[in-house]
Protein backbone atom coordinates (compact mmCIF):
# COMPACT_ATOMS: atom_id res chain seq x y z
CA ILE A 1 -20.11 -29.62 -14.71
CA ALA A 2 -17.87 -28.17 -12.01
CA GLN A 3 -15.22 -27.30 -14.62
CA MET A 4 -17.83 -25.50 -16.73
CA GLU A 5 -18.97 -23.54 -13.68
CA ARG A 6 -15.40 -22.53 -12.90
CA GLU A 7 -14.92 -21.33 -16.50
CA LEU A 8 -18.13 -19.35 -16.40
CA LYS A 9 -17.14 -17.76 -13.11
CA ALA A 10 -13.72 -16.85 -14.51
CA GLU A 11 -15.31 -15.30 -17.60
CA ARG A 12 -17.73 -13.25 -15.49
CA THR A 13 -14.92 -12.10 -13.23
CA ALA A 14 -12.82 -11.05 -16.21
CA ALA A 15 -15.79 -9.19 -17.70
CA GLY A 16 -16.40 -7.45 -14.39
CA ARG A 17 -12.78 -6.35 -14.16
CA ALA A 18 -12.86 -5.08 -17.74
CA ALA A 19 -16.05 -3.13 -17.04
CA ALA A 20 -14.57 -1.62 -13.88
CA LYS A 21 -11.40 -0.66 -15.75
CA ALA A 22 -13.50 1.00 -18.43
CA ARG A 23 -15.14 3.06 -15.66
CA GLY A 24 -11.71 4.06 -14.34
CA ARG A 25 -11.62 1.72 -11.36
CA THR A 26 -8.47 -0.31 -10.88
CA GLY A 27 -9.07 -2.10 -7.57
CA GLY A 28 -6.73 -2.81 -4.74
CA ARG A 29 -5.97 -0.88 -1.58
CA PRO A 30 -5.45 2.88 -1.85
CA ARG A 31 -1.83 3.96 -1.52
CA THR A 32 -0.66 5.85 1.57
CA ALA A 33 0.16 9.46 0.70
CA PRO A 34 3.93 9.99 0.35
CA ASP A 35 3.82 13.14 2.48
CA LYS A 36 2.31 11.14 5.37
CA LEU A 37 5.10 8.55 5.07
CA GLU A 38 7.81 11.22 5.02
CA GLU A 39 6.26 13.03 7.97
CA ALA A 40 6.20 9.79 9.95
CA ARG A 41 9.81 9.05 9.02
CA ILE A 42 10.99 12.45 10.17
CA LEU A 43 9.02 12.23 13.41
CA TYR A 44 10.32 8.74 14.16
CA LEU A 45 13.98 9.54 13.46
CA HIS A 46 14.10 13.01 15.09
CA SER A 47 11.95 12.65 18.20
CA ASP A 48 11.81 10.43 21.24
CA ARG A 49 8.42 9.01 20.28
CA THR A 50 7.89 5.32 19.74
CA ALA A 51 6.89 3.90 16.38
CA THR A 52 3.37 3.25 17.69
CA GLU A 53 2.97 6.85 18.85
CA VAL A 54 4.24 8.23 15.54
CA CYS A 55 1.96 5.96 13.54
CA HIS A 56 -1.04 6.86 15.65
CA THR A 57 -0.27 10.60 15.23
CA VAL A 58 0.19 10.44 11.46
CA GLY A 59 -2.54 7.86 10.84
CA ILE A 60 -0.59 4.97 9.30
CA GLY A 61 0.22 1.43 10.38
CA ARG A 62 3.51 0.36 11.99
CA ARG A 63 4.13 -2.16 9.23
CA THR A 64 3.72 0.63 6.67
CA LEU A 65 6.18 2.81 8.54
CA PHE A 66 8.84 0.15 8.81
CA SER A 67 8.38 -0.92 5.18
CA TYR A 68 8.85 2.71 4.13
CA LEU A 69 11.97 3.07 6.32
CA ALA A 70 13.46 -0.05 4.70
CA HIS A 71 12.58 1.28 1.25
CA VAL A 72 14.28 4.62 1.93
CA LYS A 73 17.34 2.85 3.30
CA ARG A 74 17.57 0.66 0.17
CA GLN A 75 17.35 3.78 -2.01
CA GLU A 76 20.13 5.47 -0.06
CA LEU A 77 22.33 2.42 -0.46
CA THR A 78 21.82 2.24 -4.21
CA LEU A 79 22.52 5.95 -4.61
CA SER A 80 25.82 5.68 -2.70
């Protein structure tokens, strides 16, 4: 019985996702705007503000900032 309930739940979940996709909904967290990330990067690298201050000013999280900085650094290394 438990296995049948799991299968029914999985079917309903899949149907719900398909219905949401048909309505144009994809799910997940919204992405941070690239201009916000670039603004934070420039502020962090070219001012004497801390990462926390920059993130508070721009409205992003510290983890997001440092992930973006690492991403930019990786891109620079692959382009070199």
